[in-house]
Amino acid sequence: MTTNMQIVKLDDGREVCLSYGVPVAAFIPGRGFVKTARKFSVTTSRHANSYVGLSATVLPDEEFCRLVAPLATRRR
């Protein structure tokens, strides 16, 4: 993991992968690994892919943000 990538563990069991402080992927209990369909830089995409591996469901950004709220409110 790089210093520009963080994993935030929430009390409800969700884990959210942040790249440069922006939520890009997550583990949602009962749903598995998900990532946003929103396009970012090559490095941010690499962070998301390294966290979720090959098994992630790609979600529209709006749906992804709802799943990782309140962290998604920090999006730029």
Protein backbone atom coordinates (compact mmCIF):
# COMPACT_ATOMS: atom_id res chain seq x y z
CA MET A 1 0.00 0.00 0.00
CA THR A 2 1.21 3.50 -0.76
CA THR A 3 0.85 6.57 1.39
CA ASN A 4 -1.70 7.89 -1.10
CA MET A 5 -3.94 4.85 -0.58
CA GLN A 6 -5.77 4.18 2.67
CA ILE A 7 -8.27 1.59 3.85
CA VAL A 8 -10.89 2.92 6.25
CA LYS A 9 -12.70 0.32 8.35
CA LEU A 10 -16.15 1.37 9.51
CA ASP A 11 -17.94 0.06 12.59
CA ASP A 12 -20.62 -1.67 10.48
CA GLY A 13 -18.06 -3.90 8.75
CA ARG A 14 -17.62 -1.87 5.58
CA GLU A 15 -14.13 -1.13 4.35
CA VAL A 16 -13.50 1.74 1.97
CA CYS A 17 -10.40 2.18 -0.17
CA LEU A 18 -9.40 5.82 -0.53
CA SER A 19 -7.01 7.04 -3.19
CA TYR A 20 -5.72 10.55 -2.52
CA GLY A 21 -8.60 10.87 -0.02
CA VAL A 22 -11.30 9.91 -2.55
CA PRO A 23 -13.39 6.73 -2.09
CA VAL A 24 -12.85 4.48 -5.13
CA ALA A 25 -13.53 0.91 -3.96
CA ALA A 26 -15.05 -0.88 -0.99
CA PHE A 27 -15.94 -4.12 0.68
CA ILE A 28 -19.63 -4.18 1.63
CA PRO A 29 -20.74 -7.05 3.91
CA GLY A 30 -23.32 -9.19 2.15
CA ARG A 31 -22.41 -7.70 -1.21
CA GLY A 32 -18.65 -8.17 -1.56
CA PHE A 33 -16.11 -5.97 -3.32
CA VAL A 34 -17.37 -3.02 -5.35
CA LYS A 35 -15.74 -0.12 -7.14
CA THR A 36 -16.96 3.01 -8.84
CA ALA A 37 -17.29 3.23 -12.62
CA ARG A 38 -16.07 6.83 -12.41
CA LYS A 39 -12.81 7.33 -14.26
CA PHE A 40 -9.78 8.64 -12.39
CA SER A 41 -6.05 8.79 -13.00
CA VAL A 42 -4.02 5.68 -13.78
CA THR A 43 -2.62 5.66 -10.24
CA THR A 44 -6.06 5.92 -8.63
CA SER A 45 -7.38 3.15 -10.87
CA ARG A 46 -4.40 1.02 -9.83
CA HIS A 47 -5.20 1.65 -6.16
CA ALA A 48 -8.83 0.54 -6.65
CA ASN A 49 -7.85 -2.55 -8.62
CA SER A 50 -5.15 -3.59 -6.17
CA TYR A 51 -7.70 -3.42 -3.34
CA VAL A 52 -10.57 -5.31 -5.01
CA GLY A 53 -8.67 -7.69 -7.28
CA LEU A 54 -10.61 -9.20 -10.15
CA SER A 55 -13.82 -9.96 -8.30
CA ALA A 56 -15.34 -6.49 -7.88
CA THR A 57 -18.71 -5.35 -9.11
CA VAL A 58 -18.43 -2.06 -10.98
CA LEU A 59 -21.18 0.35 -9.94
CA PRO A 60 -22.38 3.69 -11.27
CA ASP A 61 -20.70 6.40 -9.21
CA GLU A 62 -23.96 7.59 -7.62
CA GLU A 63 -24.79 4.09 -6.33
CA PHE A 64 -21.20 3.56 -5.13
CA CYS A 65 -21.32 6.85 -3.20
CA ARG A 66 -24.53 5.80 -1.44
CA LEU A 67 -22.90 2.54 -0.34
CA VAL A 68 -19.83 4.25 1.15
CA ALA A 69 -21.58 7.25 2.70
CA PRO A 70 -20.64 9.28 4.69
CA LEU A 71 -17.16 9.00 3.16
CA ALA A 72 -18.45 9.77 -0.34
CA THR A 73 -19.44 13.25 0.77
CA ARG A 74 -15.71 14.06 0.61
CA ARG A 75 -15.59 13.66 -3.20
CA ARG A 76 -14.12 16.44 -5.27
